[in-house]
Every structure is written in C-alpha cells, then in structure tokens.
C-alpha cells in the first residue's frame, strides 16, 4: 500500500511548518480558513482508497493509525 501524508496549514504561528518540513515525504500546502476550505484543498491533492482528516487538536491512541490502516 502506497502512503501519502499531506498537511494543509493556514499560517500557524507555532512550529507546525518547521516540523512538517523536517519529515521526508510529507507534503505541506497552505490554504485559507475556514477549516472546510483546508480539508477540501487537501482532498483535491490526494488520491487513493483511504482519506483521513485530522485536526491539530486531535488526540488518539498510540496505535490508532496502524489499527485504522489494518482495519480498512
């Protein structure tokens, strides 16, 4: 399974952009508010069978992504 990670940021003032750029293979885009515009933009840049939207304040278990991918 080919995996692609896309991050859409709306001008964060924290270290989000620097952190994203530190990971090889992660694509960073910028889009305007509201969050719906950012999700739509990210969706147009993606392809594949699975699409997962996570917000900056999302909290999930340690194995969430692994379990989510294997459950699909």
Protein backbone atom coordinates (compact mmCIF):
# COMPACT_ATOMS: atom_id res chain seq x y z
CA UNK A 1 0.00 0.00 0.00
CA UNK A 2 1.38 3.37 -1.04
CA UNK A 3 1.02 6.05 1.64
CA UNK A 4 1.00 9.79 1.20
CA UNK A 5 0.92 12.34 4.00
CA UNK A 6 -0.40 15.81 3.24
CA UNK A 7 -0.51 18.65 5.74
CA UNK A 8 -2.57 21.75 4.97
CA UNK A 9 -1.69 24.69 7.19
CA UNK A 10 -3.32 28.09 7.48
CA UNK A 11 -0.43 30.23 8.64
CA UNK A 12 0.24 28.63 12.00
CA UNK A 13 2.36 30.78 14.28
CA UNK A 14 3.83 27.80 16.07
CA UNK A 15 6.41 25.32 14.78
CA UNK A 16 3.95 23.35 12.59
CA UNK A 17 5.57 24.21 9.28
CA UNK A 18 9.12 23.56 10.51
CA UNK A 19 8.07 20.23 11.99
CA UNK A 20 6.32 19.16 8.78
CA UNK A 21 9.35 20.12 6.69
CA UNK A 22 11.59 18.01 8.93
CA UNK A 23 9.84 14.81 7.75
CA UNK A 24 10.88 13.39 4.40
CA UNK A 25 7.99 12.60 2.09
CA UNK A 26 5.41 14.82 3.81
CA UNK A 27 3.87 17.47 1.56
CA UNK A 28 2.96 20.85 3.05
CA UNK A 29 0.31 23.05 1.47
CA UNK A 30 -1.25 26.33 2.55
CA UNK A 31 -4.95 27.14 2.32
CA UNK A 32 -7.28 29.79 3.67
CA UNK A 33 -9.72 29.49 6.56
CA UNK A 34 -12.21 28.09 7.37
CA UNK A 35 -11.10 24.55 8.08
CA UNK A 36 -13.55 23.24 5.45
CA UNK A 37 -11.53 25.00 2.74
CA UNK A 38 -8.35 23.43 4.05
CA UNK A 39 -9.88 19.95 4.07
CA UNK A 40 -11.28 20.40 0.57
CA UNK A 41 -7.90 21.57 -0.70
CA UNK A 42 -6.10 18.65 0.91
CA UNK A 43 -8.67 16.27 -0.56
CA UNK A 44 -8.09 17.60 -4.05
CA UNK A 45 -4.36 16.94 -3.66
CA UNK A 46 -4.86 13.36 -2.51
CA UNK A 47 -5.62 10.09 -4.20
CA UNK A 48 -6.16 6.52 -3.11
CA UNK A 49 -8.71 4.41 -1.31
CA UNK A 50 -8.43 5.92 2.17
CA UNK A 51 -8.52 9.52 3.31
CA UNK A 52 -8.22 10.62 6.92
CA UNK A 53 -8.61 14.18 8.17
CA UNK A 54 -7.00 15.10 11.49
CA UNK A 55 -7.11 18.47 13.17
CA UNK A 56 -4.30 20.00 15.20
CA UNK A 57 -6.13 19.28 18.44
CA UNK A 58 -6.88 15.63 17.61
CA UNK A 59 -5.82 13.12 20.23
CA UNK A 60 -5.74 9.40 19.57
CA UNK A 61 -4.22 6.25 20.95
CA UNK A 62 -0.64 5.23 20.27
CA UNK A 63 -1.67 2.59 17.72
CA UNK A 64 -4.59 4.46 16.14
CA UNK A 65 -3.11 4.91 12.66
CA UNK A 66 -1.76 1.37 12.48
CA UNK A 67 -5.10 -0.06 13.60
CA UNK A 68 -7.04 2.20 11.23
CA UNK A 69 -4.96 1.15 8.21
CA UNK A 70 -5.22 -2.55 9.07
CA UNK A 71 -9.00 -2.35 9.64
CA UNK A 72 -9.66 -0.94 6.17
